[in-house]
Amino acid sequence: MDEAPRTSSPGVETDASDQQRSPEEIRADIERTREQLGDTAAAAAQKADVKAQAKAKVDETKQRLAEKKDEFAGQAANTAKENPVQVAAGAGFVAGFLLGRLSGRRS
């Protein structure tokens, strides 16, 4: 199979300056192309790693939930400070309800 040099690819340019390039310039171009190819392959592998993406999504969701929990606790504490009588009444009701349930089970 006879392969001719490709000249229609996006990265291949043919002009008179290509004929004048030194081997060092060509090696530098090859190394740069290899680095770009490596970066592209790494990005593709990362996108294809479904397990890692799922783990990242779970971690992100856990973080968001922890932030929401802290926000809710802060709001609850502020509400309790602003309305201590209603909070005490609610706590008393819950305590009475639980005591009633527990004492009813013993009989």
N, C-alpha and C. Protein backbone atom coordinates (compact mmCIF):
# COMPACT_ATOMS: atom_id res chain seq x y z
N MET A 1 0.84 -1.17 0.00
CA MET A 1 0.00 0.00 0.00
C MET A 1 0.89 1.23 0.00
N ASP A 2 0.77 2.01 -1.02
CA ASP A 2 1.60 3.19 -1.18
C ASP A 2 0.89 4.39 -0.56
N GLU A 3 1.52 5.01 0.43
CA GLU A 3 0.90 6.16 1.08
C GLU A 3 1.64 7.42 0.69
N ALA A 4 0.88 8.34 0.18
CA ALA A 4 1.44 9.65 -0.17
C ALA A 4 1.27 10.56 1.03
N PRO A 5 2.08 11.59 1.16
CA PRO A 5 1.92 12.53 2.28
C PRO A 5 0.55 13.20 2.20
N ARG A 6 -0.09 13.32 3.36
CA ARG A 6 -1.40 13.97 3.39
C ARG A 6 -1.21 15.48 3.41
N THR A 7 -1.93 16.13 2.55
CA THR A 7 -1.85 17.60 2.51
C THR A 7 -3.20 18.24 2.77
N SER A 8 -4.25 17.44 2.94
CA SER A 8 -5.58 18.01 3.12
C SER A 8 -6.00 18.06 4.58
N SER A 9 -5.19 17.54 5.49
CA SER A 9 -5.53 17.56 6.91
C SER A 9 -5.38 18.97 7.46
N PRO A 10 -6.17 19.32 8.50
CA PRO A 10 -6.14 20.67 9.04
C PRO A 10 -4.76 21.09 9.54
N GLY A 11 -4.01 20.18 10.14
CA GLY A 11 -2.72 20.55 10.71
C GLY A 11 -1.57 20.48 9.73
N VAL A 12 -1.81 20.06 8.51
CA VAL A 12 -0.73 19.90 7.53
C VAL A 12 -0.74 21.07 6.57
N GLU A 13 0.34 21.79 6.57
CA GLU A 13 0.47 22.92 5.64
C GLU A 13 1.65 22.63 4.72
N THR A 14 1.46 22.91 3.48
CA THR A 14 2.57 22.72 2.56
C THR A 14 2.82 24.03 1.84
N ASP A 15 3.97 24.54 2.05
CA ASP A 15 4.41 25.71 1.31
C ASP A 15 5.93 25.66 1.22
N ALA A 16 6.51 26.65 0.70
CA ALA A 16 7.95 26.64 0.49
C ALA A 16 8.71 26.63 1.80
N SER A 17 8.13 27.19 2.87
CA SER A 17 8.85 27.23 4.15
C SER A 17 9.00 25.84 4.76
N ASP A 18 8.07 24.90 4.43
CA ASP A 18 8.19 23.54 4.94
C ASP A 18 9.47 22.88 4.41
N GLN A 19 9.85 23.23 3.25
CA GLN A 19 11.05 22.64 2.66
C GLN A 19 12.30 23.17 3.35
N GLN A 20 12.20 24.31 4.03
CA GLN A 20 13.35 24.94 4.65
C GLN A 20 13.47 24.66 6.15
N ARG A 21 12.54 23.92 6.70
CA ARG A 21 12.54 23.69 8.15
C ARG A 21 13.67 22.75 8.54
N SER A 22 14.21 23.04 9.72
CA SER A 22 15.30 22.20 10.22
C SER A 22 14.72 20.97 10.92
N PRO A 23 15.51 19.96 11.10
CA PRO A 23 15.04 18.77 11.83
C PRO A 23 14.58 19.11 13.26
N GLU A 24 15.23 20.08 13.90
CA GLU A 24 14.83 20.48 15.25
C GLU A 24 13.43 21.09 15.25
N GLU A 25 13.12 21.89 14.24
CA GLU A 25 11.78 22.48 14.14
C GLU A 25 10.73 21.40 13.91
N ILE A 26 11.06 20.45 13.08
CA ILE A 26 10.14 19.35 12.81
C ILE A 26 9.93 18.53 14.08
N ARG A 27 11.02 18.24 14.81
CA ARG A 27 10.89 17.50 16.07
C ARG A 27 10.03 18.27 17.08
N ALA A 28 10.21 19.58 17.14
CA ALA A 28 9.42 20.41 18.06
C ALA A 28 7.94 20.34 17.68
N ASP A 29 7.65 20.39 16.38
CA ASP A 29 6.26 20.28 15.91
C ASP A 29 5.68 18.92 16.29
N ILE A 30 6.47 17.88 16.11
CA ILE A 30 6.00 16.53 16.44
C ILE A 30 5.72 16.44 17.94
N GLU A 31 6.61 16.97 18.77
CA GLU A 31 6.43 16.92 20.22
C GLU A 31 5.18 17.70 20.64
N ARG A 32 4.97 18.86 20.04
CA ARG A 32 3.79 19.68 20.33
C ARG A 32 2.51 18.92 19.94
N THR A 33 2.55 18.27 18.80
CA THR A 33 1.40 17.49 18.34
C THR A 33 1.14 16.32 19.28
N ARG A 34 2.19 15.67 19.75
CA ARG A 34 2.03 14.56 20.69
C ARG A 34 1.39 15.03 22.00
N GLU A 35 1.82 16.20 22.49
CA GLU A 35 1.24 16.74 23.72
C GLU A 35 -0.24 17.04 23.53
N GLN A 36 -0.58 17.63 22.39
CA GLN A 36 -1.99 17.94 22.12
C GLN A 36 -2.81 16.65 22.03
N LEU A 37 -2.25 15.66 21.39
CA LEU A 37 -2.94 14.37 21.27
C LEU A 37 -3.12 13.73 22.65
N GLY A 38 -2.10 13.82 23.48
CA GLY A 38 -2.19 13.28 24.84
C GLY A 38 -3.26 13.98 25.65
N ASP A 39 -3.33 15.31 25.55
CA ASP A 39 -4.36 16.07 26.26
C ASP A 39 -5.76 15.68 25.78
N THR A 40 -5.89 15.53 24.47
CA THR A 40 -7.18 15.14 23.90
C THR A 40 -7.58 13.75 24.37
N ALA A 41 -6.64 12.82 24.38
CA ALA A 41 -6.93 11.46 24.82
C ALA A 41 -7.30 11.44 26.30
N ALA A 42 -6.62 12.23 27.12
CA ALA A 42 -6.93 12.29 28.55
C ALA A 42 -8.33 12.86 28.77
N ALA A 43 -8.69 13.89 28.03
CA ALA A 43 -10.03 14.48 28.16
C ALA A 43 -11.10 13.48 27.73
N ALA A 44 -10.84 12.75 26.68
CA ALA A 44 -11.80 11.74 26.22
C ALA A 44 -11.94 10.62 27.24
N ALA A 45 -10.85 10.20 27.83
CA ALA A 45 -10.89 9.15 28.84
C ALA A 45 -11.66 9.60 30.07
N GLN A 46 -11.48 10.86 30.45
CA GLN A 46 -12.19 11.40 31.61
C GLN A 46 -13.69 11.44 31.35
N LYS A 47 -14.07 11.85 30.15
CA LYS A 47 -15.50 11.88 29.81
C LYS A 47 -16.09 10.48 29.76
N ALA A 48 -15.31 9.51 29.38
CA ALA A 48 -15.80 8.15 29.25
C ALA A 48 -15.87 7.42 30.59
N ASP A 49 -15.24 7.96 31.63
CA ASP A 49 -15.22 7.31 32.94
C ASP A 49 -16.50 7.62 33.70
N VAL A 50 -17.52 6.82 33.45
CA VAL A 50 -18.85 7.04 34.02
C VAL A 50 -18.81 6.89 35.53
N LYS A 51 -18.05 5.93 36.03
CA LYS A 51 -17.98 5.70 37.47
C LYS A 51 -17.43 6.93 38.20
N ALA A 52 -16.39 7.53 37.65
CA ALA A 52 -15.80 8.72 38.28
C ALA A 52 -16.78 9.89 38.20
N GLN A 53 -17.49 10.02 37.08
CA GLN A 53 -18.47 11.09 36.96
C GLN A 53 -19.60 10.92 37.97
N ALA A 54 -20.05 9.69 38.16
CA ALA A 54 -21.12 9.42 39.12
C ALA A 54 -20.65 9.74 40.53
N LYS A 55 -19.42 9.36 40.86
CA LYS A 55 -18.88 9.64 42.19
C LYS A 55 -18.77 11.15 42.41
N ALA A 56 -18.33 11.87 41.40
CA ALA A 56 -18.23 13.33 41.51
C ALA A 56 -19.60 13.95 41.72
N LYS A 57 -20.60 13.43 41.04
CA LYS A 57 -21.96 13.95 41.18
C LYS A 57 -22.50 13.67 42.59
N VAL A 58 -22.22 12.47 43.12
CA VAL A 58 -22.64 12.13 44.48
C VAL A 58 -21.96 13.06 45.49
N ASP A 59 -20.67 13.27 45.32
CA ASP A 59 -19.95 14.16 46.23
C ASP A 59 -20.50 15.59 46.17
N GLU A 60 -20.81 16.04 44.97
CA GLU A 60 -21.37 17.38 44.79
C GLU A 60 -22.73 17.49 45.49
N THR A 61 -23.55 16.46 45.34
CA THR A 61 -24.88 16.46 45.96
C THR A 61 -24.76 16.42 47.49
N LYS A 62 -23.84 15.62 48.01
CA LYS A 62 -23.61 15.58 49.46
C LYS A 62 -23.22 16.96 49.98
N GLN A 63 -22.34 17.63 49.25
CA GLN A 63 -21.89 18.96 49.66
C GLN A 63 -23.05 19.94 49.69
N ARG A 64 -23.89 19.90 48.65
CA ARG A 64 -25.05 20.80 48.59
C ARG A 64 -26.01 20.52 49.73
N LEU A 65 -26.25 19.24 50.03
CA LEU A 65 -27.15 18.88 51.13
C LEU A 65 -26.60 19.33 52.47
N ALA A 66 -25.30 19.20 52.67
CA ALA A 66 -24.68 19.65 53.92
C ALA A 66 -24.85 21.16 54.07
N GLU A 67 -24.68 21.89 52.98
CA GLU A 67 -24.86 23.35 53.02
C GLU A 67 -26.31 23.70 53.34
N LYS A 68 -27.25 22.99 52.73
CA LYS A 68 -28.68 23.23 53.00
C LYS A 68 -29.02 22.92 54.45
N LYS A 69 -28.46 21.83 54.98
CA LYS A 69 -28.71 21.44 56.37
C LYS A 69 -28.22 22.53 57.31
N ASP A 70 -27.01 23.03 57.06
CA ASP A 70 -26.46 24.10 57.90
C ASP A 70 -27.31 25.36 57.81
N GLU A 71 -27.77 25.66 56.60
CA GLU A 71 -28.62 26.84 56.40
C GLU A 71 -29.95 26.67 57.16
N PHE A 72 -30.54 25.49 57.07
CA PHE A 72 -31.81 25.23 57.77
C PHE A 72 -31.62 25.31 59.29
N ALA A 73 -30.52 24.74 59.78
CA ALA A 73 -30.26 24.79 61.23
C ALA A 73 -30.09 26.23 61.68
N GLY A 74 -29.42 27.03 60.89
CA GLY A 74 -29.26 28.44 61.23
C GLY A 74 -30.58 29.18 61.25
N GLN A 75 -31.44 28.88 60.28
CA GLN A 75 -32.76 29.51 60.24
C GLN A 75 -33.60 29.07 61.43
N ALA A 76 -33.51 27.78 61.78
CA ALA A 76 -34.27 27.28 62.93
C ALA A 76 -33.80 27.94 64.22
N ALA A 77 -32.50 28.10 64.35
CA ALA A 77 -31.96 28.75 65.55
C ALA A 77 -32.42 30.20 65.63
N ASN A 78 -32.42 30.89 64.52
CA ASN A 78 -32.87 32.29 64.50
C ASN A 78 -34.35 32.37 64.85
N THR A 79 -35.14 31.47 64.31
CA THR A 79 -36.58 31.45 64.61
C THR A 79 -36.79 31.19 66.09
N ALA A 80 -36.04 30.28 66.67
CA ALA A 80 -36.16 29.97 68.10
C ALA A 80 -35.79 31.17 68.95
N LYS A 81 -34.77 31.91 68.53
CA LYS A 81 -34.36 33.11 69.29
C LYS A 81 -35.42 34.20 69.20
N GLU A 82 -36.05 34.31 68.02
CA GLU A 82 -37.05 35.36 67.82
C GLU A 82 -38.39 35.01 68.48
N ASN A 83 -38.72 33.73 68.61
CA ASN A 83 -40.01 33.29 69.15
C ASN A 83 -39.81 32.22 70.21
N PRO A 84 -39.19 32.54 71.34
CA PRO A 84 -38.90 31.49 72.32
C PRO A 84 -40.15 30.88 72.96
N VAL A 85 -41.23 31.66 73.11
CA VAL A 85 -42.43 31.13 73.74
C VAL A 85 -43.07 30.07 72.86
N GLN A 86 -43.19 30.34 71.56
CA GLN A 86 -43.80 29.35 70.66
C GLN A 86 -42.94 28.09 70.57
N VAL A 87 -41.63 28.25 70.57
CA VAL A 87 -40.75 27.09 70.49
C VAL A 87 -40.89 26.25 71.77
N ALA A 88 -40.92 26.91 72.91
CA ALA A 88 -41.07 26.18 74.18
C ALA A 88 -42.42 25.46 74.21
N ALA A 89 -43.47 26.10 73.72
CA ALA A 89 -44.79 25.47 73.71
C ALA A 89 -44.78 24.26 72.78
N GLY A 90 -44.17 24.38 71.64
CA GLY A 90 -44.08 23.26 70.69
C GLY A 90 -43.27 22.12 71.28
N ALA A 91 -42.16 22.44 71.93
CA ALA A 91 -41.33 21.41 72.54
C ALA A 91 -42.10 20.71 73.65
N GLY A 92 -42.86 21.48 74.44
CA GLY A 92 -43.66 20.88 75.51
C GLY A 92 -44.72 19.95 74.95
N PHE A 93 -45.35 20.36 73.86
CA PHE A 93 -46.37 19.51 73.22
C PHE A 93 -45.75 18.19 72.75
N VAL A 94 -44.61 18.28 72.07
CA VAL A 94 -43.94 17.07 71.56
C VAL A 94 -43.53 16.17 72.72
N ALA A 95 -42.97 16.75 73.78
CA ALA A 95 -42.55 15.96 74.93
C ALA A 95 -43.75 15.27 75.57
N GLY A 96 -44.86 16.00 75.73
CA GLY A 96 -46.06 15.40 76.31
C GLY A 96 -46.60 14.27 75.44
N PHE A 97 -46.61 14.48 74.15
CA PHE A 97 -47.08 13.45 73.22
C PHE A 97 -46.23 12.18 73.34
N LEU A 98 -44.91 12.36 73.35
CA LEU A 98 -44.01 11.20 73.44
C LEU A 98 -44.17 10.48 74.77
N LEU A 99 -44.29 11.24 75.86
CA LEU A 99 -44.49 10.60 77.16
C LEU A 99 -45.80 9.83 77.20
N GLY A 100 -46.83 10.40 76.61
CA GLY A 100 -48.12 9.71 76.54
C GLY A 100 -48.04 8.42 75.76
N ARG A 101 -47.32 8.43 74.65
CA ARG A 101 -47.16 7.22 73.83
C ARG A 101 -46.36 6.17 74.58
N LEU A 102 -45.30 6.60 75.25
CA LEU A 102 -44.46 5.64 75.98
C LEU A 102 -45.22 5.04 77.15
N SER A 103 -45.97 5.84 77.90
CA SER A 103 -46.70 5.30 79.06
C SER A 103 -47.87 4.43 78.62
N GLY A 104 -48.44 4.67 77.45
CA GLY A 104 -49.52 3.84 76.93
C GLY A 104 -49.04 2.46 76.54
N ARG A 105 -47.82 2.31 76.16
CA ARG A 105 -47.29 1.01 75.75
C ARG A 105 -47.05 0.09 76.95
N ARG A 106 -46.81 0.64 78.10
CA ARG A 106 -46.52 -0.17 79.29
C ARG A 106 -47.76 -0.84 79.85
N SER A 107 -48.91 -0.27 79.59
CA SER A 107 -50.15 -0.81 80.17
C SER A 107 -50.63 -2.05 79.48
